[in-house]
């Protein structure tokens, strides 16, 4: 169980002074202060985001709220098993395991009164749907659902991976946070935000530590796309836009590009190299993948 609070400088100072005797060393460049007792850990990041974790996190959260004189939000213990009857924002990403093509992250808002009809339409985890079904559902969803989608093309991906040294999880965290922020400009009344987990909550916030605006009230849950309709919708919308992006790349190179990063990729690389040089892959592929190493 975990809880988070966006702090002011004064609030952070109060917490540090109160829990200084429980402080523990930290080596993370993004961490300002860390303290631990028998059951819980509190971490204040340099962005002044407080993260409380542990089996007794709710008690510590209540104690800190009292210390800094704020009203506790709805008990996260009750909110931890988010019901399908709630109106939720869900996010998911596509393309991170594909050599060709960029990365797409979508955030989707599903009202509770839309859930039944979406299930009847066949909405489920996009990994369980073939491309033709994705394209069919995607056409419907982008007209009926409030969503935000971010497409990171290969040129931008390769730049931030190589020059800025961002790993895949940091890139995903930035895209998820950005998609959620954008969607929240369109949606004001929602019951929660669920991210299909690709890392721990602490690492997720570490990746975002340099961002000026971080959405903290998020729930990261593994296999969320099979549990929450909003995440399933986000996964379908993300794949819909990924397929559109991927098909355009295929037309550009003159043949249908293979997905994934398996043996078929080598054949495609060899075919492209007959008419193009290695620099061309900067625009159509993730050049840090091992598939390209033998040709460099």
C-alpha atoms as a PDB file:
ATOM      1  CA  UNK A   1       0.000   0.000   0.000  1.00  0.00           C
ATOM      2  CA  UNK A   2       1.332   3.467  -0.836  1.00  0.00           C
ATOM      3  CA  UNK A   3       0.202   7.078  -0.584  1.00  0.00           C
ATOM      4  CA  UNK A   4       1.566  10.303  -1.998  1.00  0.00           C
ATOM      5  CA  UNK A   5       1.281  14.029  -1.226  1.00  0.00           C
ATOM      6  CA  UNK A   6       2.541  17.084  -3.114  1.00  0.00           C
ATOM      7  CA  UNK A   7       4.307  19.216  -0.500  1.00  0.00           C
ATOM      8  CA  UNK A   8       5.318  22.828  -0.100  1.00  0.00           C
ATOM      9  CA  UNK A   9       8.872  23.613   1.062  1.00  0.00           C
ATOM     10  CA  UNK A  10       7.563  24.425   4.552  1.00  0.00           C
ATOM     11  CA  UNK A  11       5.658  21.131   4.770  1.00  0.00           C
ATOM     12  CA  UNK A  12       8.714  19.180   3.633  1.00  0.00           C
ATOM     13  CA  UNK A  13      10.809  20.915   6.311  1.00  0.00           C
ATOM     14  CA  UNK A  14       8.270  20.019   9.035  1.00  0.00           C
ATOM     15  CA  UNK A  15       8.265  16.360   8.013  1.00  0.00           C
ATOM     16  CA  UNK A  16      12.064  16.167   7.835  1.00  0.00           C
ATOM     17  CA  UNK A  17      12.423  17.683  11.308  1.00  0.00           C
ATOM     18  CA  UNK A  18       9.733  15.393  12.755  1.00  0.00           C
ATOM     19  CA  UNK A  19      11.182  12.153  11.332  1.00  0.00           C
ATOM     20  CA  UNK A  20      14.890  13.003  11.291  1.00  0.00           C
ATOM     21  CA  UNK A  21      15.651  10.429  14.000  1.00  0.00           C
ATOM     22  CA  UNK A  22      14.294   7.709  11.682  1.00  0.00           C
ATOM     23  CA  UNK A  23      16.265   8.869   8.636  1.00  0.00           C
ATOM     24  CA  UNK A  24      18.138   6.285   6.571  1.00  0.00           C
ATOM     25  CA  UNK A  25      20.885   6.789   3.958  1.00  0.00           C
ATOM     26  CA  UNK A  26      19.874   7.158   0.322  1.00  0.00           C
ATOM     27  CA  UNK A  27      21.981   7.111  -2.827  1.00  0.00           C
ATOM     28  CA  UNK A  28      19.292   8.196  -5.259  1.00  0.00           C
ATOM     29  CA  UNK A  29      19.999  11.589  -6.843  1.00  0.00           C
ATOM     30  CA  UNK A  30      16.281  12.333  -6.931  1.00  0.00           C
ATOM     31  CA  UNK A  31      15.684  11.825  -3.196  1.00  0.00           C
ATOM     32  CA  UNK A  32      15.744  14.673  -0.676  1.00  0.00           C
ATOM     33  CA  UNK A  33      14.957  12.690   2.489  1.00  0.00           C
ATOM     34  CA  UNK A  34      14.145   9.124   3.446  1.00  0.00           C
ATOM     35  CA  UNK A  35      13.009   7.703   6.790  1.00  0.00           C
ATOM     36  CA  UNK A  36      11.954   4.257   7.898  1.00  0.00           C
ATOM     37  CA  UNK A  37      10.320   2.639  10.914  1.00  0.00           C
ATOM     38  CA  UNK A  38       9.380  -0.997  11.506  1.00  0.00           C
ATOM     39  CA  UNK A  39       6.409  -1.005   9.147  1.00  0.00           C
ATOM     40  CA  UNK A  40       6.615   1.985   6.805  1.00  0.00           C
ATOM     41  CA  UNK A  41       8.966   4.082   4.702  1.00  0.00           C
ATOM     42  CA  UNK A  42       8.572   7.722   3.747  1.00  0.00           C
ATOM     43  CA  UNK A  43      10.483   9.321   0.903  1.00  0.00           C
ATOM     44  CA  UNK A  44      10.541  12.992  -0.064  1.00  0.00           C
ATOM     45  CA  UNK A  45      11.768  13.545  -3.597  1.00  0.00           C
ATOM     46  CA  UNK A  46      13.490  16.744  -4.676  1.00  0.00           C
ATOM     47  CA  UNK A  47      10.299  17.593  -6.564  1.00  0.00           C
ATOM     48  CA  UNK A  48       8.671  17.784  -3.079  1.00  0.00           C
ATOM     49  CA  UNK A  49       6.535  14.727  -3.722  1.00  0.00           C
ATOM     50  CA  UNK A  50       6.094  12.613  -0.591  1.00  0.00           C
ATOM     51  CA  UNK A  51       5.701   8.865  -1.050  1.00  0.00           C
ATOM     52  CA  UNK A  52       4.600   6.694   1.902  1.00  0.00           C
ATOM     53  CA  UNK A  53       4.942   2.914   1.587  1.00  0.00           C
ATOM     54  CA  UNK A  54       4.516  -0.089   3.846  1.00  0.00           C
ATOM     55  CA  UNK A  55       1.980  -2.189   5.713  1.00  0.00           C
ATOM     56  CA  UNK A  56       1.135   0.684   8.076  1.00  0.00           C
ATOM     57  CA  UNK A  57       1.182   3.441   5.455  1.00  0.00           C
ATOM     58  CA  UNK A  58      -2.341   4.674   6.214  1.00  0.00           C
ATOM     59  CA  UNK A  59      -1.528   5.425   9.878  1.00  0.00           C
ATOM     60  CA  UNK A  60       1.660   7.237   8.905  1.00  0.00           C
ATOM     61  CA  UNK A  61      -0.248   9.140   6.218  1.00  0.00           C
ATOM     62  CA  UNK A  62      -2.872  10.287   8.749  1.00  0.00           C
ATOM     63  CA  UNK A  63      -0.107  11.324  11.156  1.00  0.00           C
ATOM     64  CA  UNK A  64       1.671  13.391   8.501  1.00  0.00           C
ATOM     65  CA  UNK A  65      -1.576  15.015   7.334  1.00  0.00           C
ATOM     66  CA  UNK A  66      -2.140  16.139  10.919  1.00  0.00           C
ATOM     67  CA  UNK A  67       1.451  17.382  11.203  1.00  0.00           C
ATOM     68  CA  UNK A  68       1.266  19.564   8.085  1.00  0.00           C
ATOM     69  CA  UNK A  69      -2.372  20.517   8.688  1.00  0.00           C
ATOM     70  CA  UNK A  70      -4.032  19.123   5.564  1.00  0.00           C
ATOM     71  CA  UNK A  71      -7.206  17.082   5.117  1.00  0.00           C
ATOM     72  CA  UNK A  72      -6.584  13.421   4.198  1.00  0.00           C
ATOM     73  CA  UNK A  73      -7.991  12.384   0.822  1.00  0.00           C
ATOM     74  CA  UNK A  74     -10.351   9.415   0.430  1.00  0.00           C
ATOM     75  CA  UNK A  75      -8.877   6.397   2.159  1.00  0.00           C
ATOM     76  CA  UNK A  76      -6.590   4.777  -0.386  1.00  0.00           C
ATOM     77  CA  UNK A  77      -7.104   1.447   1.324  1.00  0.00           C
ATOM     78  CA  UNK A  78     -10.690   1.563   0.083  1.00  0.00           C
ATOM     79  CA  UNK A  79      -9.545   2.870  -3.261  1.00  0.00           C
ATOM     80  CA  UNK A  80      -6.899   0.167  -3.718  1.00  0.00           C
ATOM     81  CA  UNK A  81      -9.347  -2.302  -5.238  1.00  0.00           C
ATOM     82  CA  UNK A  82     -10.860   0.093  -7.753  1.00  0.00           C
ATOM     83  CA  UNK A  83     -14.286  -1.136  -8.790  1.00  0.00           C
ATOM     84  CA  UNK A  84     -15.318  -1.551 -12.412  1.00  0.00           C
ATOM     85  CA  UNK A  85     -18.321   0.567 -11.441  1.00  0.00           C
ATOM     86  CA  UNK A  86     -16.113   3.645 -11.105  1.00  0.00           C
ATOM     87  CA  UNK A  87     -15.349   6.250 -13.756  1.00  0.00           C
ATOM     88  CA  UNK A  88     -11.627   5.863 -14.325  1.00  0.00           C
ATOM     89  CA  UNK A  89      -8.726   7.140 -16.378  1.00  0.00           C
ATOM     90  CA  UNK A  90      -6.567   4.284 -17.643  1.00  0.00           C
ATOM     91  CA  UNK A  91      -3.249   4.324 -19.509  1.00  0.00           C
ATOM     92  CA  UNK A  92      -1.244   1.815 -21.514  1.00  0.00           C
ATOM     93  CA  UNK A  93       1.603   1.794 -24.042  1.00  0.00           C
ATOM     94  CA  UNK A  94       2.405  -0.061 -27.266  1.00  0.00           C
ATOM     95  CA  UNK A  95       5.568  -0.493 -29.325  1.00  0.00           C
ATOM     96  CA  UNK A  96       8.205  -0.863 -26.629  1.00  0.00           C
ATOM     97  CA  UNK A  97       9.122  -4.377 -27.768  1.00  0.00           C
ATOM     98  CA  UNK A  98       9.099  -3.631 -31.497  1.00  0.00           C
ATOM     99  CA  UNK A  99      12.326  -2.875 -33.364  1.00  0.00           C
ATOM    100  CA  UNK A 100      10.478  -0.993 -36.085  1.00  0.00           C
ATOM    101  CA  UNK A 101       8.146   1.854 -35.242  1.00  0.00           C
ATOM    102  CA  UNK A 102       7.897   4.274 -32.365  1.00  0.00           C
ATOM    103  CA  UNK A 103       6.131   4.148 -29.009  1.00  0.00           C
ATOM    104  CA  UNK A 104       2.509   5.096 -28.420  1.00  0.00           C
ATOM    105  CA  UNK A 105       0.949   5.838 -25.027  1.00  0.00           C
ATOM    106  CA  UNK A 106      -2.770   6.456 -24.650  1.00  0.00           C
ATOM    107  CA  UNK A 107      -4.812   7.663 -21.693  1.00  0.00           C
ATOM    108  CA  UNK A 108      -8.555   7.004 -21.827  1.00  0.00           C
ATOM    109  CA  UNK A 109     -11.438   8.114 -19.624  1.00  0.00           C
ATOM    110  CA  UNK A 110     -14.294   5.636 -19.287  1.00  0.00           C
ATOM    111  CA  UNK A 111     -17.451   6.629 -17.423  1.00  0.00           C
ATOM    112  CA  UNK A 112     -19.105   3.941 -15.345  1.00  0.00           C
ATOM    113  CA  UNK A 113     -22.211   4.134 -17.533  1.00  0.00           C
ATOM    114  CA  UNK A 114     -20.090   3.211 -20.586  1.00  0.00           C
ATOM    115  CA  UNK A 115     -18.575   0.030 -19.157  1.00  0.00           C
ATOM    116  CA  UNK A 116     -21.288  -2.472 -20.073  1.00  0.00           C
ATOM    117  CA  UNK A 117     -21.641  -1.325 -23.664  1.00  0.00           C
ATOM    118  CA  UNK A 118     -17.864  -1.311 -24.148  1.00  0.00           C
ATOM    119  CA  UNK A 119     -17.657  -4.889 -22.911  1.00  0.00           C
ATOM    120  CA  UNK A 120     -20.434  -5.853 -25.318  1.00  0.00           C
ATOM    121  CA  UNK A 121     -18.449  -4.254 -28.136  1.00  0.00           C
ATOM    122  CA  UNK A 122     -15.625  -6.672 -27.345  1.00  0.00           C
ATOM    123  CA  UNK A 123     -13.278  -4.379 -25.457  1.00  0.00           C
ATOM    124  CA  UNK A 124     -10.522  -6.329 -23.702  1.00  0.00           C
ATOM    125  CA  UNK A 125      -6.737  -6.388 -23.455  1.00  0.00           C
ATOM    126  CA  UNK A 126      -5.417  -5.447 -26.912  1.00  0.00           C
ATOM    127  CA  UNK A 127      -2.935  -8.345 -26.765  1.00  0.00           C
ATOM    128  CA  UNK A 128      -5.940 -10.681 -27.086  1.00  0.00           C
ATOM    129  CA  UNK A 129      -7.184  -8.946 -30.252  1.00  0.00           C
ATOM    130  CA  UNK A 130      -5.861  -9.245 -33.794  1.00  0.00           C
ATOM    131  CA  UNK A 131      -4.956  -6.186 -35.838  1.00  0.00           C
ATOM    132  CA  UNK A 132      -8.197  -6.131 -37.833  1.00  0.00           C
ATOM    133  CA  UNK A 133     -10.265  -6.137 -34.624  1.00  0.00           C
ATOM    134  CA  UNK A 134      -8.068  -3.374 -33.171  1.00  0.00           C
ATOM    135  CA  UNK A 135      -8.672  -1.213 -36.237  1.00  0.00           C
ATOM    136  CA  UNK A 136     -12.412  -1.922 -36.085  1.00  0.00           C
ATOM    137  CA  UNK A 137     -12.743  -1.133 -32.371  1.00  0.00           C
ATOM    138  CA  UNK A 138     -10.343   1.776 -32.577  1.00  0.00           C
ATOM    139  CA  UNK A 139     -12.528   3.559 -35.129  1.00  0.00           C
ATOM    140  CA  UNK A 140     -15.448   3.369 -32.687  1.00  0.00           C
ATOM    141  CA  UNK A 141     -13.527   4.213 -29.518  1.00  0.00           C
ATOM    142  CA  UNK A 142     -11.831   7.365 -30.804  1.00  0.00           C
ATOM    143  CA  UNK A 143     -15.301   8.780 -31.534  1.00  0.00           C
ATOM    144  CA  UNK A 144     -16.967   7.708 -28.283  1.00  0.00           C
ATOM    145  CA  UNK A 145     -14.201   7.992 -25.668  1.00  0.00           C
ATOM    146  CA  UNK A 146     -12.391  11.022 -24.266  1.00  0.00           C
ATOM    147  CA  UNK A 147      -8.712  10.204 -24.710  1.00  0.00           C
ATOM    148  CA  UNK A 148      -5.204  11.555 -25.136  1.00  0.00           C
ATOM    149  CA  UNK A 149      -2.543   9.851 -27.230  1.00  0.00           C
ATOM    150  CA  UNK A 150       1.195  10.496 -27.532  1.00  0.00           C
ATOM    151  CA  UNK A 151       3.142   9.051 -30.480  1.00  0.00           C
ATOM    152  CA  UNK A 152       6.920   9.120 -29.995  1.00  0.00           C
ATOM    153  CA  UNK A 153       8.485   8.643 -33.422  1.00  0.00           C
ATOM    154  CA  UNK A 154      11.797   6.896 -33.987  1.00  0.00           C
ATOM    155  CA  UNK A 155      13.844  10.027 -34.591  1.00  0.00           C
ATOM    156  CA  UNK A 156      12.806  11.464 -31.218  1.00  0.00           C
ATOM    157  CA  UNK A 157      13.125   8.099 -29.448  1.00  0.00           C
ATOM    158  CA  UNK A 158      16.670   7.548 -30.717  1.00  0.00           C
ATOM    159  CA  UNK A 159      17.681  11.074 -29.737  1.00  0.00           C
ATOM    160  CA  UNK A 160      16.483  10.903 -26.132  1.00  0.00           C
ATOM    161  CA  UNK A 161      17.774   7.348 -25.736  1.00  0.00           C
ATOM    162  CA  UNK A 162      21.262   8.026 -27.072  1.00  0.00           C
ATOM    163  CA  UNK A 163      21.886  11.718 -26.365  1.00  0.00           C
ATOM    164  CA  UNK A 164      19.874  12.169 -23.164  1.00  0.00           C
ATOM    165  CA  UNK A 165      20.532   8.588 -22.029  1.00  0.00           C
ATOM    166  CA  UNK A 166      16.884   7.891 -21.158  1.00  0.00           C
ATOM    167  CA  UNK A 167      16.105   4.196 -20.727  1.00  0.00           C
ATOM    168  CA  UNK A 168      12.842   2.636 -21.879  1.00  0.00           C
ATOM    169  CA  UNK A 169      11.112   2.867 -18.492  1.00  0.00           C
ATOM    170  CA  UNK A 170      11.945   6.556 -18.097  1.00  0.00           C
ATOM    171  CA  UNK A 171      10.595   7.227 -21.574  1.00  0.00           C
ATOM    172  CA  UNK A 172       7.406   5.335 -20.749  1.00  0.00           C
ATOM    173  CA  UNK A 173       6.979   7.195 -17.445  1.00  0.00           C
ATOM    174  CA  UNK A 174       7.337  10.561 -19.192  1.00  0.00           C
ATOM    175  CA  UNK A 175       4.810   9.595 -21.862  1.00  0.00           C
ATOM    176  CA  UNK A 176       2.276   8.223 -19.354  1.00  0.00           C
ATOM    177  CA  UNK A 177       2.522  11.330 -17.167  1.00  0.00           C
ATOM    178  CA  UNK A 178       2.189  13.615 -20.181  1.00  0.00           C
ATOM    179  CA  UNK A 179      -0.828  11.728 -21.572  1.00  0.00           C
ATOM    180  CA  UNK A 180      -2.569  11.842 -18.184  1.00  0.00           C
ATOM    181  CA  UNK A 181      -1.853  15.546 -17.774  1.00  0.00           C
ATOM    182  CA  UNK A 182      -3.288  16.278 -21.207  1.00  0.00           C
ATOM    183  CA  UNK A 183      -6.395  14.159 -20.604  1.00  0.00           C
ATOM    184  CA  UNK A 184      -7.048  15.896 -17.288  1.00  0.00           C
ATOM    185  CA  UNK A 185      -7.497  19.164 -19.173  1.00  0.00           C
ATOM    186  CA  UNK A 186     -10.536  17.524 -20.804  1.00  0.00           C
ATOM    187  CA  UNK A 187     -11.859  15.533 -17.829  1.00  0.00           C
ATOM    188  CA  UNK A 188     -12.432  16.945 -14.354  1.00  0.00           C
ATOM    189  CA  UNK A 189     -14.636  14.374 -12.620  1.00  0.00           C
ATOM    190  CA  UNK A 190     -13.071  10.932 -12.336  1.00  0.00           C
ATOM    191  CA  UNK A 191     -12.705   8.422  -9.520  1.00  0.00           C
ATOM    192  CA  UNK A 192      -9.124   7.301 -10.073  1.00  0.00           C
ATOM    193  CA  UNK A 193      -6.204   6.847 -12.461  1.00  0.00           C
ATOM    194  CA  UNK A 194      -4.814   3.394 -13.260  1.00  0.00           C
ATOM    195  CA  UNK A 195      -1.552   2.774 -15.117  1.00  0.00           C
ATOM    196  CA  UNK A 196      -0.660  -0.629 -16.506  1.00  0.00           C
ATOM    197  CA  UNK A 197       2.428  -1.110 -14.318  1.00  0.00           C
ATOM    198  CA  UNK A 198       5.834  -1.387 -15.978  1.00  0.00           C
ATOM    199  CA  UNK A 199       7.853  -0.503 -12.857  1.00  0.00           C
ATOM    200  CA  UNK A 200       7.357   0.161  -9.142  1.00  0.00           C
ATOM    201  CA  UNK A 201       5.611   3.313  -7.971  1.00  0.00           C
ATOM    202  CA  UNK A 202       8.800   4.630  -6.367  1.00  0.00           C
ATOM    203  CA  UNK A 203      10.838   4.171  -9.542  1.00  0.00           C
ATOM    204  CA  UNK A 204       8.017   5.674 -11.586  1.00  0.00           C
ATOM    205  CA  UNK A 205       8.242   8.901  -9.595  1.00  0.00           C
ATOM    206  CA  UNK A 206      12.052   8.787  -9.747  1.00  0.00           C
ATOM    207  CA  UNK A 207      11.843   8.803 -13.542  1.00  0.00           C
ATOM    208  CA  UNK A 208       9.606  11.885 -13.354  1.00  0.00           C
ATOM    209  CA  UNK A 209      11.680  13.780 -10.800  1.00  0.00           C
ATOM    210  CA  UNK A 210      12.830  16.461 -13.254  1.00  0.00           C
ATOM    211  CA  UNK A 211       9.311  17.179 -14.503  1.00  0.00           C
ATOM    212  CA  UNK A 212       7.632  20.426 -13.477  1.00  0.00           C
ATOM    213  CA  UNK A 213       4.149  18.898 -13.372  1.00  0.00           C
ATOM    214  CA  UNK A 214       3.657  15.367 -12.029  1.00  0.00           C
ATOM    215  CA  UNK A 215       0.306  13.641 -11.586  1.00  0.00           C
ATOM    216  CA  UNK A 216       0.780  11.808  -8.285  1.00  0.00           C
ATOM    217  CA  UNK A 217      -2.639  10.283  -7.593  1.00  0.00           C
ATOM    218  CA  UNK A 218      -2.016   7.259  -9.797  1.00  0.00           C
ATOM    219  CA  UNK A 219      -2.351   3.536  -9.168  1.00  0.00           C
ATOM    220  CA  UNK A 220       0.181   1.289 -10.914  1.00  0.00           C
ATOM    221  CA  UNK A 221      -1.118  -2.252 -11.280  1.00  0.00           C
ATOM    222  CA  UNK A 222       0.266  -5.210 -13.196  1.00  0.00           C
ATOM    223  CA  UNK A 223      -1.957  -6.633 -15.945  1.00  0.00           C
ATOM    224  CA  UNK A 224      -4.342  -3.726 -15.420  1.00  0.00           C
ATOM    225  CA  UNK A 225      -5.478  -4.002 -19.035  1.00  0.00           C
ATOM    226  CA  UNK A 226      -7.230  -7.266 -18.116  1.00  0.00           C
ATOM    227  CA  UNK A 227      -8.842  -5.805 -14.969  1.00  0.00           C
ATOM    228  CA  UNK A 228      -9.996  -2.300 -15.858  1.00  0.00           C
ATOM    229  CA  UNK A 229     -12.047  -1.374 -18.903  1.00  0.00           C
ATOM    230  CA  UNK A 230     -10.425   2.074 -19.026  1.00  0.00           C
ATOM    231  CA  UNK A 231      -6.949   0.532 -19.327  1.00  0.00           C
ATOM    232  CA  UNK A 232      -8.193  -1.969 -21.926  1.00  0.00           C
ATOM    233  CA  UNK A 233      -9.643   0.930 -23.925  1.00  0.00           C
ATOM    234  CA  UNK A 234      -6.337   2.812 -23.626  1.00  0.00           C
ATOM    235  CA  UNK A 235      -4.444  -0.263 -24.842  1.00  0.00           C
ATOM    236  CA  UNK A 236      -6.718  -0.573 -27.899  1.00  0.00           C
ATOM    237  CA  UNK A 237      -6.488   3.125 -28.749  1.00  0.00           C
ATOM    238  CA  UNK A 238      -2.695   3.048 -28.337  1.00  0.00           C
ATOM    239  CA  UNK A 239      -2.438   0.023 -30.628  1.00  0.00           C
ATOM    240  CA  UNK A 240      -4.815   1.598 -33.140  1.00  0.00           C
ATOM    241  CA  UNK A 241      -2.523   4.614 -33.498  1.00  0.00           C
ATOM    242  CA  UNK A 242       0.572   2.402 -33.448  1.00  0.00           C
ATOM    243  CA  UNK A 243      -0.777   0.332 -36.356  1.00  0.00           C
ATOM    244  CA  UNK A 244      -1.526   3.495 -38.328  1.00  0.00           C
ATOM    245  CA  UNK A 245       2.018   4.744 -37.671  1.00  0.00           C
ATOM    246  CA  UNK A 246       3.485   1.303 -38.474  1.00  0.00           C
ATOM    247  CA  UNK A 247       1.564   0.963 -41.739  1.00  0.00           C
ATOM    248  CA  UNK A 248       2.877   4.339 -42.908  1.00  0.00           C
ATOM    249  CA  UNK A 249       6.441   3.140 -42.245  1.00  0.00           C
ATOM    250  CA  UNK A 250       5.765  -0.042 -44.215  1.00  0.00           C
ATOM    251  CA  UNK A 251       4.547   2.000 -47.190  1.00  0.00           C
ATOM    252  CA  UNK A 252       7.643   4.176 -46.934  1.00  0.00           C
ATOM    253  CA  UNK A 253      10.081   1.241 -47.102  1.00  0.00           C
ATOM    254  CA  UNK A 254       8.042  -0.536 -49.770  1.00  0.00           C
ATOM    255  CA  UNK A 255       7.098  -3.748 -47.972  1.00  0.00           C
ATOM    256  CA  UNK A 256       5.275  -4.916 -44.852  1.00  0.00           C
ATOM    257  CA  UNK A 257       7.601  -4.513 -41.877  1.00  0.00           C
ATOM    258  CA  UNK A 258       7.600  -7.296 -39.267  1.00  0.00           C
ATOM    259  CA  UNK A 259       6.601  -6.546 -35.694  1.00  0.00           C
ATOM    260  CA  UNK A 260       8.515  -7.573 -32.583  1.00  0.00           C
ATOM    261  CA  UNK A 261      12.278  -8.087 -32.398  1.00  0.00           C
ATOM    262  CA  UNK A 262      12.692 -11.714 -33.552  1.00  0.00           C
ATOM    263  CA  UNK A 263      14.485 -13.433 -36.469  1.00  0.00           C
ATOM    264  CA  UNK A 264      12.228 -11.847 -39.118  1.00  0.00           C
ATOM    265  CA  UNK A 265      13.758  -8.485 -38.235  1.00  0.00           C
ATOM    266  CA  UNK A 266      17.175  -9.528 -39.592  1.00  0.00           C
ATOM    267  CA  UNK A 267      15.678 -10.323 -42.987  1.00  0.00           C
ATOM    268  CA  UNK A 268      13.928  -6.954 -43.080  1.00  0.00           C
ATOM    269  CA  UNK A 269      17.134  -5.117 -42.112  1.00  0.00           C
ATOM    270  CA  UNK A 270      19.075  -6.883 -44.867  1.00  0.00           C
ATOM    271  CA  UNK A 271      16.395  -6.032 -47.411  1.00  0.00           C
ATOM    272  CA  UNK A 272      16.402  -2.348 -46.445  1.00  0.00           C
ATOM    273  CA  UNK A 273      20.221  -2.162 -46.520  1.00  0.00           C
ATOM    274  CA  UNK A 274      20.194  -3.096 -50.198  1.00  0.00           C
ATOM    275  CA  UNK A 275      18.873   0.369 -51.012  1.00  0.00           C
ATOM    276  CA  UNK A 276      19.463   2.431 -47.841  1.00  0.00           C
ATOM    277  CA  UNK A 277      22.304   3.109 -45.401  1.00  0.00           C
ATOM    278  CA  UNK A 278      22.368   2.584 -41.622  1.00  0.00           C
ATOM    279  CA  UNK A 279      21.508   6.234 -40.955  1.00  0.00           C
ATOM    280  CA  UNK A 280      18.070   5.605 -42.437  1.00  0.00           C
ATOM    281  CA  UNK A 281      17.166   3.339 -39.509  1.00  0.00           C
ATOM    282  CA  UNK A 282      17.179   6.405 -37.235  1.00  0.00           C
ATOM    283  CA  UNK A 283      13.817   7.310 -38.786  1.00  0.00           C
ATOM    284  CA  UNK A 284      12.110   3.901 -38.801  1.00  0.00           C
ATOM    285  CA  UNK A 285      13.579   1.813 -35.950  1.00  0.00           C
ATOM    286  CA  UNK A 286      14.837   1.802 -32.366  1.00  0.00           C
ATOM    287  CA  UNK A 287      18.564   1.746 -33.055  1.00  0.00           C
ATOM    288  CA  UNK A 288      19.557   0.701 -29.524  1.00  0.00           C
ATOM    289  CA  UNK A 289      17.957  -2.728 -30.060  1.00  0.00           C
ATOM    290  CA  UNK A 290      20.503  -5.526 -30.535  1.00  0.00           C
ATOM    291  CA  UNK A 291      19.017  -6.440 -33.930  1.00  0.00           C
ATOM    292  CA  UNK A 292      21.082  -3.712 -35.582  1.00  0.00           C
ATOM    293  CA  UNK A 293      24.392  -4.360 -33.784  1.00  0.00           C
ATOM    294  CA  UNK A 294      25.837  -6.818 -36.320  1.00  0.00           C
ATOM    295  CA  UNK A 295      25.317  -4.325 -39.146  1.00  0.00           C
ATOM    296  CA  UNK A 296      27.056  -1.374 -37.498  1.00  0.00           C
END
